[in-house]
Protein backbone atom coordinates (compact mmCIF):
# COMPACT_ATOMS: atom_id res chain seq x y z
CA UNK A 1 0.00 0.26 0.01
CA UNK A 2 1.42 3.42 -0.80
CA UNK A 3 2.24 5.26 1.97
CA UNK A 4 0.19 8.90 2.55
CA UNK A 5 1.70 11.47 2.29
CA UNK A 6 1.63 14.57 4.79
CA UNK A 7 -0.33 17.60 4.00
CA UNK A 8 1.62 20.77 4.62
CA UNK A 9 0.35 23.52 6.92
CA UNK A 10 1.79 26.13 5.54
CA UNK A 11 2.45 27.04 1.81
CA UNK A 12 3.77 29.55 -0.26
CA UNK A 13 2.93 29.22 -3.95
CA UNK A 14 5.36 31.64 -6.72
CA UNK A 15 6.31 34.28 -4.29
CA UNK A 16 8.12 36.92 -6.16
CA UNK A 17 9.04 40.43 -4.68
CA UNK A 18 11.15 42.65 -6.17
CA UNK A 19 12.78 46.24 -4.80
CA UNK A 20 14.29 48.73 -7.13
CA UNK A 21 17.33 46.82 -8.74
CA UNK A 22 17.22 43.54 -7.11
CA UNK A 23 14.20 41.01 -7.34
CA UNK A 24 14.73 39.41 -3.52
CA UNK A 25 12.18 36.43 -4.75
CA UNK A 26 11.48 34.98 -8.14
CA UNK A 27 8.97 32.13 -7.99
CA UNK A 28 9.65 30.91 -4.68
CA UNK A 29 7.95 27.57 -3.14
CA UNK A 30 7.81 26.72 -0.01
CA UNK A 31 6.09 24.11 2.30
CA UNK A 32 5.98 23.62 5.99
CA UNK A 33 4.66 20.37 8.06
CA UNK A 34 3.27 20.22 11.42
CA UNK A 35 5.56 19.48 14.20
CA UNK A 36 8.42 19.67 11.91
CA UNK A 37 11.17 22.41 11.16
CA UNK A 38 12.22 23.77 8.31
CA UNK A 39 15.80 25.49 8.03
CA UNK A 40 15.84 28.34 5.20
CA UNK A 41 19.60 28.50 3.38
CA UNK A 42 21.20 30.74 1.29
CA UNK A 43 24.12 33.34 0.91
CA UNK A 44 24.18 36.76 2.14
CA UNK A 45 21.33 38.65 -0.14
CA UNK A 46 19.51 35.22 -1.32
CA UNK A 47 16.57 36.69 -0.59
CA UNK A 48 15.58 34.63 2.85
CA UNK A 49 14.90 37.63 5.06
CA UNK A 50 12.67 39.14 2.17
CA UNK A 51 10.40 35.49 1.69
CA UNK A 52 9.88 35.55 5.64
CA UNK A 53 9.17 38.88 5.74
CA UNK A 54 6.62 38.64 3.26
CA UNK A 55 5.37 35.85 5.62
CA UNK A 56 5.49 37.45 8.79
CA UNK A 57 3.36 40.69 6.82
CA UNK A 58 6.41 42.45 6.78
CA UNK A 59 6.64 42.92 3.00
CA UNK A 60 3.81 41.88 0.46
CA UNK A 61 4.96 39.55 -2.10
CA UNK A 62 4.62 41.71 -6.19
CA UNK A 63 3.06 38.25 -6.87
CA UNK A 64 2.00 34.50 -5.53
CA UNK A 65 -0.14 33.01 -2.86
CA UNK A 66 0.12 32.06 1.24
CA UNK A 67 -2.15 28.95 1.66
CA UNK A 68 -2.50 27.80 5.75
CA UNK A 69 -4.42 25.12 6.71
CA UNK A 70 -5.51 24.58 3.20
CA UNK A 71 -7.11 27.84 2.62
CA UNK A 72 -5.16 30.74 0.86
CA UNK A 73 -4.84 33.74 3.40
CA UNK A 74 -4.27 37.23 2.97
CA UNK A 75 -1.20 38.44 4.99
CA UNK A 76 -1.03 42.43 5.14
CA UNK A 77 0.75 43.43 8.44
CA UNK A 78 2.30 41.35 11.22
CA UNK A 79 -0.70 41.79 13.45
CA UNK A 80 -2.93 39.78 10.19
CA UNK A 81 0.51 37.03 10.59
CA UNK A 82 -0.21 36.95 14.34
CA UNK A 83 -3.57 36.32 14.52
CA UNK A 84 -3.25 34.18 11.57
CA UNK A 85 -0.84 31.95 14.20
CA UNK A 86 2.29 33.31 12.87
CA UNK A 87 5.27 35.01 14.09
CA UNK A 88 8.92 36.15 13.62
CA UNK A 89 11.93 36.63 15.89
CA UNK A 90 13.77 39.28 13.60
CA UNK A 91 17.78 39.45 13.94
CA UNK A 92 17.35 43.26 15.49
CA UNK A 93 14.98 42.33 18.38
CA UNK A 94 11.75 44.42 18.32
CA UNK A 95 11.67 45.03 21.71
CA UNK A 96 11.86 48.84 24.08
CA UNK A 97 15.04 48.50 25.89
CA UNK A 98 13.50 51.12 28.36
CA UNK A 99 10.22 48.96 29.30
CA UNK A 100 10.03 45.40 31.22
CA UNK A 101 9.75 42.00 30.06
CA UNK A 102 6.07 42.19 30.94
CA UNK A 103 5.36 45.49 29.27
CA UNK A 104 7.03 44.50 25.91
CA UNK A 105 5.01 40.97 25.90
CA UNK A 106 1.83 42.53 26.09
CA UNK A 107 2.67 45.65 24.20
CA UNK A 108 -0.28 46.38 21.07
CA UNK A 109 -2.06 43.62 22.27
CA UNK A 110 -6.20 44.02 21.76
CA UNK A 111 -7.01 41.42 24.11
CA UNK A 112 -5.73 42.89 27.17
CA UNK A 113 -8.19 44.85 29.61
CA UNK A 114 -7.74 48.83 29.80
CA UNK A 115 -6.69 48.53 33.70
CA UNK A 116 -3.82 45.96 33.11
CA UNK A 117 -3.45 43.47 35.59
CA UNK A 118 0.41 43.03 35.83
CA UNK A 119 -0.03 40.18 37.98
CA UNK A 120 -1.67 38.11 36.25
CA UNK A 121 0.35 38.99 32.90
CA UNK A 122 3.12 37.87 34.99
CA UNK A 123 1.97 34.84 36.53
CA UNK A 124 1.14 33.72 32.69
CA UNK A 125 5.10 34.34 31.72
CA UNK A 126 6.29 32.88 34.45
CA UNK A 127 4.31 29.51 33.36
CA UNK A 128 5.66 29.94 29.87
CA UNK A 129 8.69 30.30 31.15
CA UNK A 130 8.53 27.65 33.20
CA UNK A 131 6.91 25.28 30.68
CA UNK A 132 9.45 25.91 28.35
CA UNK A 133 12.50 26.47 30.23
CA UNK A 134 13.11 29.97 28.79
CA UNK A 135 14.31 31.68 32.41
CA UNK A 136 12.62 34.48 31.66
CA UNK A 137 11.75 37.50 34.46
CA UNK A 138 8.89 39.38 33.91
CA UNK A 139 10.12 41.98 35.83
CA UNK A 140 13.48 42.51 34.76
CA UNK A 141 14.12 45.35 32.22
CA UNK A 142 15.16 44.84 28.38
CA UNK A 143 18.30 46.58 28.56
CA UNK A 144 19.73 45.08 31.52
CA UNK A 145 19.43 41.96 29.80
CA UNK A 146 21.72 39.76 27.69
CA UNK A 147 21.24 38.92 23.95
CA UNK A 148 20.54 35.62 24.66
CA UNK A 149 17.67 36.51 27.26
CA UNK A 150 16.47 39.01 24.91
CA UNK A 151 15.71 36.61 22.12
CA UNK A 152 14.05 33.90 24.96
CA UNK A 153 11.41 37.36 25.15
CA UNK A 154 10.93 37.43 21.78
CA UNK A 155 10.13 33.80 21.57
CA UNK A 156 7.93 34.13 24.85
CA UNK A 157 5.97 37.30 23.14
CA UNK A 158 4.94 35.07 20.51
CA UNK A 159 3.95 32.23 22.47
CA UNK A 160 2.25 34.08 24.74
CA UNK A 161 0.14 35.42 21.50
CA UNK A 162 -0.46 31.96 20.58
CA UNK A 163 1.99 31.30 17.57
CA UNK A 164 1.35 27.71 16.20
CA UNK A 165 4.46 28.67 13.52
CA UNK A 166 7.48 30.47 14.53
CA UNK A 167 10.02 32.22 11.89
CA UNK A 168 13.41 32.72 13.65
CA UNK A 169 16.03 34.82 11.41
CA UNK A 170 19.59 33.73 12.48
CA UNK A 171 18.37 32.38 15.84
CA UNK A 172 21.98 31.25 17.10
CA UNK A 173 23.83 34.12 15.57
CA UNK A 174 23.81 36.66 18.61
CA UNK A 175 24.23 33.51 21.14
CA UNK A 176 26.36 31.15 22.67
CA UNK A 177 26.80 27.60 22.18
CA UNK A 178 25.27 27.09 25.57
CA UNK A 179 22.29 29.28 24.56
CA UNK A 180 21.92 27.55 21.23
CA UNK A 181 21.52 24.06 22.61
CA UNK A 182 19.16 25.69 24.84
CA UNK A 183 16.99 26.93 21.75
CA UNK A 184 17.71 23.89 20.23
CA UNK A 185 16.29 22.21 23.68
CA UNK A 186 12.79 24.73 23.29
CA UNK A 187 12.19 24.51 19.73
CA UNK A 188 12.27 20.65 20.00
CA UNK A 189 9.45 21.08 22.76
CA UNK A 190 7.89 23.27 20.83
CA UNK A 191 7.65 20.58 17.39
CA UNK A 192 6.54 18.38 19.73
CA UNK A 193 3.51 20.07 20.98
CA UNK A 194 2.23 20.18 17.19
CA UNK A 195 4.18 23.82 16.44
CA UNK A 196 6.40 24.25 13.70
CA UNK A 197 9.11 26.34 13.06
CA UNK A 198 10.52 27.92 9.95
CA UNK A 199 14.76 29.37 11.03
CA UNK A 200 17.24 31.04 8.76
CA UNK A 201 20.47 30.29 9.71
CA UNK A 202 24.39 29.89 8.18
CA UNK A 203 25.46 27.30 10.40
CA UNK A 204 25.46 24.27 9.05
CA UNK A 205 26.22 21.72 12.56
CA UNK A 206 23.07 23.67 13.31
CA UNK A 207 20.86 22.69 10.10
CA UNK A 208 21.57 18.98 10.50
CA UNK A 209 20.71 19.22 14.49
CA UNK A 210 17.39 21.62 14.12
CA UNK A 211 15.78 20.77 11.26
CA UNK A 212 13.78 18.27 9.44
CA UNK A 213 14.12 19.69 6.05
CA UNK A 214 16.11 22.60 3.76
CA UNK A 215 15.72 24.70 1.11
CA UNK A 216 17.96 26.53 -0.55
CA UNK A 217 17.86 29.88 -2.00
CA UNK A 218 20.52 31.70 -4.73
CA UNK A 219 19.86 34.74 -6.05
CA UNK A 220 15.74 34.98 -4.72
CA UNK A 221 15.55 31.33 -6.25
CA UNK A 222 14.60 27.84 -4.72
CA UNK A 223 17.52 26.00 -6.03
CA UNK A 224 17.15 22.60 -3.61
CA UNK A 225 14.69 21.00 -1.33
CA UNK A 226 16.48 18.08 0.92
CA UNK A 227 15.39 16.08 3.63
CA UNK A 228 17.83 16.73 6.54
CA UNK A 229 18.64 13.19 7.48
CA UNK A 230 19.45 12.68 3.45
CA UNK A 231 22.82 15.28 2.99
CA UNK A 232 25.34 16.56 4.61
CA UNK A 233 27.11 20.33 5.58
CA UNK A 234 29.70 19.89 2.93
CA UNK A 235 26.78 19.26 0.26
CA UNK A 236 24.61 22.21 1.39
CA UNK A 237 27.47 24.43 1.61
CA UNK A 238 28.48 23.60 -1.43
CA UNK A 239 24.56 24.48 -2.57
CA UNK A 240 24.89 27.68 -0.76
CA UNK A 241 27.72 29.06 -2.86
CA UNK A 242 28.29 27.30 -6.27
CA UNK A 243 31.67 26.26 -4.89
CA UNK A 244 33.95 23.86 -2.05
CA UNK A 245 33.95 25.47 0.82
CA UNK A 246 36.83 25.47 3.28
CA UNK A 247 35.70 24.54 6.99
CA UNK A 248 39.66 25.08 8.16
CA UNK A 249 41.75 28.08 7.32
CA UNK A 250 45.24 27.60 6.29
CA UNK A 251 47.56 30.31 7.87
CA UNK A 252 51.56 31.10 8.63
CA UNK A 253 53.17 30.67 11.86
CA UNK A 254 53.06 33.70 13.78
CA UNK A 255 55.63 36.13 13.70
CA UNK A 256 55.13 38.78 16.49
CA UNK A 257 56.83 42.07 16.08
CA UNK A 258 56.70 45.12 18.84
CA UNK A 259 53.30 45.13 21.55
CA UNK A 260 50.83 47.34 19.96
CA UNK A 261 48.17 47.19 22.76
CA UNK A 262 48.97 46.33 26.31
CA UNK A 263 46.20 46.06 28.64
CA UNK A 264 47.49 46.54 32.33
CA UNK A 265 44.98 45.55 35.99
CA UNK A 266 42.56 47.27 34.27
CA UNK A 267 38.42 46.84 35.86
CA UNK A 268 35.21 48.16 34.93
CA UNK A 269 31.86 48.46 35.90
CA UNK A 270 29.11 47.59 33.43
CA UNK A 271 25.70 48.95 33.03
CA UNK A 272 24.14 48.08 36.15
CA UNK A 273 27.31 49.40 38.25
CA UNK A 274 28.47 45.86 38.85
CA UNK A 275 32.24 44.97 38.00
CA UNK A 276 32.24 43.60 34.65
CA UNK A 277 36.61 43.67 34.35
CA UNK A 278 38.46 42.56 37.39
CA UNK A 279 41.75 43.21 37.18
CA UNK A 280 42.36 42.26 33.64
CA UNK A 281 45.68 41.77 32.50
CA UNK A 282 47.27 41.29 28.66
CA UNK A 283 49.52 42.23 25.44
CA UNK A 284 49.13 41.40 22.05
CA UNK A 285 52.10 41.96 19.64
CA UNK A 286 52.02 43.37 16.12
CA UNK A 287 51.45 40.55 13.48
CA UNK A 288 49.65 38.63 16.10
CA UNK A 289 45.97 37.32 17.01
CA UNK A 290 44.81 37.06 20.42
CA UNK A 291 41.10 35.80 20.68
CA UNK A 292 39.14 36.00 23.58
CA UNK A 293 36.46 33.12 24.76
CA UNK A 294 33.96 33.35 27.06
CA UNK A 295 30.41 32.76 27.58
CA UNK A 296 28.31 36.18 26.42
CA UNK A 297 28.23 38.63 29.52
CA UNK A 298 31.99 37.81 31.16
CA UNK A 299 33.14 41.19 30.39
CA UNK A 300 34.01 40.63 26.58
CA UNK A 301 31.75 43.62 25.79
CA UNK A 302 33.47 45.97 28.14
CA UNK A 303 36.77 44.89 27.51
CA UNK A 304 36.35 45.87 23.70
CA UNK A 305 34.44 48.88 24.47
CA UNK A 306 37.09 50.03 27.09
CA UNK A 307 39.66 49.58 24.36
CA UNK A 308 38.39 51.62 21.82
CA UNK A 309 36.84 54.51 24.20
CA UNK A 310 33.18 53.68 24.87
CA UNK A 311 33.46 52.65 28.30
CA UNK A 312 34.97 53.98 31.23
CA UNK A 313 38.01 52.30 33.08
CA UNK A 314 37.63 52.16 36.41
CA UNK A 315 41.21 51.05 37.57
CA UNK A 316 44.34 50.30 35.35
CA UNK A 317 45.75 51.69 32.13
CA UNK A 318 45.20 50.95 28.58
CA UNK A 319 48.65 51.33 26.19
CA UNK A 320 48.22 51.45 22.18
CA UNK A 321 51.74 51.60 20.74
CA UNK A 322 53.27 52.88 23.87
CA UNK A 323 50.90 55.86 24.96
CA UNK A 324 48.54 56.04 27.35
CA UNK A 325 44.92 56.25 26.01
CA UNK A 326 42.95 55.41 29.18
CA UNK A 327 39.77 56.76 29.03
CA UNK A 328 40.24 58.29 25.64
CA UNK A 329 37.31 59.69 23.30
CA UNK A 330 36.75 57.47 20.58
CA UNK A 331 37.75 60.19 17.82
CA UNK A 332 41.54 59.68 20.55
CA UNK A 333 41.41 55.65 19.20
CA UNK A 334 40.75 55.96 15.85
CA UNK A 335 43.18 58.72 14.70
CA UNK A 336 45.92 56.33 16.44
CA UNK A 337 44.51 53.65 13.79
CA UNK A 338 42.57 51.87 16.29
CA UNK A 339 39.36 49.99 14.33
CA UNK A 340 36.80 48.51 15.82
CA UNK A 341 33.93 45.88 14.20
CA UNK A 342 31.08 46.13 16.97
CA UNK A 343 29.17 43.28 18.25
CA UNK A 344 25.59 45.37 17.57
CA UNK A 345 26.09 46.07 13.53
CA UNK A 346 22.89 48.43 13.68
CA UNK A 347 22.70 50.27 16.80
CA UNK A 348 26.61 50.61 16.87
CA UNK A 349 28.25 50.06 13.52
CA UNK A 350 26.29 51.54 10.92
CA UNK A 351 23.96 54.80 10.19
CA UNK A 352 20.77 53.23 8.60
CA UNK A 353 19.43 56.44 6.98
CA UNK A 354 22.60 57.06 5.42
CA UNK A 355 24.42 55.51 1.89
CA UNK A 356 26.23 52.71 1.43
CA UNK A 357 29.24 55.03 0.51
CA UNK A 358 28.65 57.48 3.00
CA UNK A 359 28.98 54.41 5.84
CA UNK A 360 32.06 53.34 4.01
CA UNK A 361 33.74 56.30 4.30
CA UNK A 362 32.81 57.24 8.15
CA UNK A 363 36.74 56.85 9.21
CA UNK A 364 38.09 58.42 6.08
CA UNK A 365 36.76 61.45 5.61
CA UNK A 366 38.22 63.96 7.49
CA UNK A 367 41.29 63.50 5.48
CA UNK A 368 42.58 63.85 1.73
CA UNK A 369 41.92 62.87 -1.11
CA UNK A 370 37.73 62.44 0.26
CA UNK A 371 38.08 65.90 2.00
CA UNK A 372 40.58 68.98 1.04
CA UNK A 373 40.28 72.67 2.25
CA UNK A 374 37.54 71.85 4.31
CA UNK A 375 35.20 70.71 1.38
CA UNK A 376 33.90 67.25 1.03
CA UNK A 377 34.33 65.00 -2.88
CA UNK A 378 31.28 63.09 -3.23
CA UNK A 379 32.87 61.42 -5.82
CA UNK A 380 35.77 60.65 -4.48
CA UNK A 381 33.60 59.32 -1.75
CA UNK A 382 31.66 57.06 -4.15
CA UNK A 383 34.49 55.77 -5.88
CA UNK A 384 36.53 54.37 -2.78
CA UNK A 385 33.33 52.64 -1.69
CA UNK A 386 33.01 50.89 -5.44
CA UNK A 387 35.96 49.52 -4.50
CA UNK A 388 35.69 48.47 -1.58
CA UNK A 389 32.08 47.24 -2.74
CA UNK A 390 34.13 44.94 -5.11
CA UNK A 391 36.93 44.13 -2.84
CA UNK A 392 34.55 42.88 0.36
CA UNK A 393 31.72 41.55 -2.35
CA UNK A 394 28.87 43.50 -0.60
CA UNK A 395 25.51 42.96 -2.73
CA UNK A 396 24.01 46.41 -2.84
CA UNK A 397 22.00 47.82 -5.86
CA UNK A 398 24.40 50.96 -6.08
CA UNK A 399 26.80 52.88 -3.50
CA UNK A 400 24.37 55.29 -2.87
CA UNK A 401 21.69 52.89 -1.58
CA UNK A 402 21.01 53.03 1.89
CA UNK A 403 22.72 51.00 3.80
CA UNK A 404 19.40 49.81 6.21
CA UNK A 405 18.19 48.18 2.84
CA UNK A 406 20.84 45.72 2.42
CA UNK A 407 20.91 42.31 4.46
CA UNK A 408 22.20 41.71 7.37
CA UNK A 409 25.26 40.15 6.19
CA UNK A 410 25.60 42.54 3.45
CA UNK A 411 25.08 45.07 6.20
CA UNK A 412 28.34 43.33 8.31
CA UNK A 413 30.55 42.99 5.34
CA UNK A 414 29.92 46.94 4.90
CA UNK A 415 31.76 47.23 8.47
CA UNK A 416 33.92 45.07 8.01
CA UNK A 417 35.44 46.84 4.31
CA UNK A 418 35.24 50.20 6.35
CA UNK A 419 36.98 49.41 9.33
CA UNK A 420 39.78 46.77 8.20
CA UNK A 421 40.00 49.61 5.40
CA UNK A 422 41.09 51.71 7.74
CA UNK A 423 42.92 49.50 10.46
CA UNK A 424 46.65 51.35 10.82
CA UNK A 425 47.40 48.87 13.43
CA UNK A 426 45.45 47.57 15.75
CA UNK A 427 41.83 45.77 15.05
CA UNK A 428 39.30 44.83 17.55
CA UNK A 429 36.81 41.98 15.77
CA UNK A 430 33.95 41.32 17.84
CA UNK A 431 31.99 38.41 16.17
CA UNK A 432 33.23 39.40 12.51
CA UNK A 433 31.91 36.58 11.02
CA UNK A 434 28.13 36.56 12.73
CA UNK A 435 25.04 36.40 10.45
CA UNK A 436 27.31 35.59 7.33
CA UNK A 437 26.77 32.55 5.17
CA UNK A 438 30.03 30.21 5.15
CA UNK A 439 31.39 31.60 2.16
CA UNK A 440 31.60 35.35 3.39
CA UNK A 441 33.22 33.38 6.75
CA UNK A 442 35.63 31.78 4.84
CA UNK A 443 36.89 35.26 3.54
CA UNK A 444 36.30 37.10 6.80
CA UNK A 445 38.29 34.63 8.66
CA UNK A 446 41.22 35.11 5.73
CA UNK A 447 41.13 39.10 5.95
CA UNK A 448 41.62 39.13 9.44
CA UNK A 449 44.39 37.03 9.08
CA UNK A 450 45.89 38.69 6.26
CA UNK A 451 45.70 42.09 8.42
CA UNK A 452 47.75 39.79 10.96
CA UNK A 453 50.30 38.92 8.26
CA UNK A 454 50.72 42.60 7.14
CA UNK A 455 51.54 43.49 10.97
CA UNK A 456 48.44 44.65 12.20
CA UNK A 457 47.71 43.41 15.76
CA UNK A 458 44.16 41.70 16.46
CA UNK A 459 41.65 41.12 18.82
CA UNK A 460 39.49 38.60 17.78
CA UNK A 461 36.59 38.23 20.23
CA UNK A 462 34.01 34.99 19.12
CA UNK A 463 32.18 32.46 21.10
CA UNK A 464 32.83 29.74 17.78
CA UNK A 465 35.81 28.08 19.68
CA UNK A 466 36.58 26.29 16.73
CA UNK A 467 36.94 30.19 14.71
CA UNK A 468 39.11 31.03 17.77
CA UNK A 469 41.40 27.96 17.24
CA UNK A 470 41.25 28.06 13.60
CA UNK A 471 42.50 31.87 13.04
CA UNK A 472 43.85 32.27 16.38
CA UNK A 473 47.38 32.77 17.31
CA UNK A 474 47.03 32.60 21.29
CA UNK A 475 43.45 32.53 22.84
CA UNK A 476 42.60 34.26 26.56
CA UNK A 477 39.65 32.93 28.37
CA UNK A 478 37.23 35.04 30.02
CA UNK A 479 34.83 33.71 32.65
CA UNK A 480 33.02 36.46 35.58
CA UNK A 481 35.14 39.52 33.97
CA UNK A 482 38.40 37.85 34.90
CA UNK A 483 41.12 36.11 32.28
CA UNK A 484 41.13 32.36 33.47
CA UNK A 485 44.46 32.40 31.40
CA UNK A 486 46.17 32.16 27.99
CA UNK A 487 46.80 29.41 26.12
CA UNK A 488 48.66 28.98 22.37
CA UNK A 489 46.59 28.09 19.86
CA UNK A 490 48.20 24.94 18.45
CA UNK A 491 48.10 23.30 21.53
CA UNK A 492 44.23 24.20 22.62
CA UNK A 493 41.18 21.79 23.25
CA UNK A 494 37.64 23.31 23.18
CA UNK A 495 37.31 20.41 26.72
CA UNK A 496 40.10 22.80 28.35
CA UNK A 497 38.76 25.69 27.01
CA UNK A 498 35.19 24.96 27.74
CA UNK A 499 36.39 24.26 31.18
CA UNK A 500 38.32 27.77 31.35
CA UNK A 501 34.91 29.18 30.11
CA UNK A 502 33.19 27.80 33.08
CA UNK A 503 35.12 29.16 35.62
CA UNK A 504 38.12 26.27 35.87
CA UNK A 505 41.63 27.73 36.29
CA UNK A 506 44.61 27.50 33.44
CA UNK A 507 46.65 24.63 35.36
CA UNK A 508 43.12 23.09 36.80
CA UNK A 509 41.76 22.86 33.27
CA UNK A 510 44.82 21.02 32.00
CA UNK A 511 45.76 23.69 29.03
CA UNK A 512 48.95 24.44 28.03
CA UNK A 513 49.85 28.19 28.97
CA UNK A 514 50.65 30.58 26.12
């Protein structure tokens, strides 16, 4: 007897969407089954987020239809999508930072009474939080929370509102390995209860662990549909970028020169007034990459921001090229040749309403040839941008396109191009490959190694231990604001690094110092 084929609960048929100069989606089909997870793969700018923005009501398709539970539906807004049980967690969270978790969860809901019973709301949030192990405090303010906690709030918000289909756009791009595992468990529990999920990702191991089906987009077109159990990371990577991708980067042996950055006994407070850095000391030499490993929220942000002048040092000193730069303004650090790829690309890395060209010129516009006699030369800025766009393979209709209209990965490439191009001595790279596809990630890692080989000192912050071991020369492990130890990558192993990230000392972890 022939096996009965399951009926999809959601179908997108022949979806086409065009923006000025860009065909984002062309006749794309999608099917989602009850209790299953679909992974949506593709290079940066392949049309994944556009397709999901259509499904979640943020964008209208030019043509095509959406069928939910066998009926054609018209999704004109996120509210329409939510009423149909479809909710999306975006790469850049849609939370109000000055409000509490509970206030964000009920914001804009019609179902709440005019006089709010916040105790009742808090109780329901706690019930959902306990059921899915989301570990969220209803009374905490968003600004006090780590990125991983904020993502849990977004998921909780959708469940509170009755979502049956969850769309997760790059759900683990901002998470630690531990938080990624927790998210996996949350999604598995949801699917066991009949909910379904679509997630956009570039991480092949997560595709294999999370999903039941994979659909691959290339330049706005659907090029492959495959069951996850019938494929492997290498084949998926090849489908995405159209060529073989090397998952390990070859690099020459480190040849360090003079000290470019010295951090001496630095302590600093976080935004809550709690000590985030405790007597931190290390140095980086020219021609060397020092990786910083640690679970998010263990002082990495405060460390990079104290070095770049964005955060006050409480005690200790920071020297760049031998000059004391402690608590100097960011502009002084820029003039000293320090470049900074920040962790939050949208809030700190770009000005969305300015063009790609203007964003690329932000570090160089003060001097010739972009400025002469106090006047900016737009044509020179345009030509500079064209060269950088080509070199870093930024997908944009034009250098004059507002940067906010680019995909997340291409925004990241814009920041990378600007900061690497302006770097004269020290590059602070915080999650530089976050949100990038496998091909672009490979390119970024090669660029960072090339900066090292050109005599730059690089501080690389990452929660991907394999990336740190592959790219760095030495790795400093942080736990609760303290450097637990510094190891040479030639002798480093993931197990001992993980122990140190959990607070075990260098000696007790069994790792060899570097």
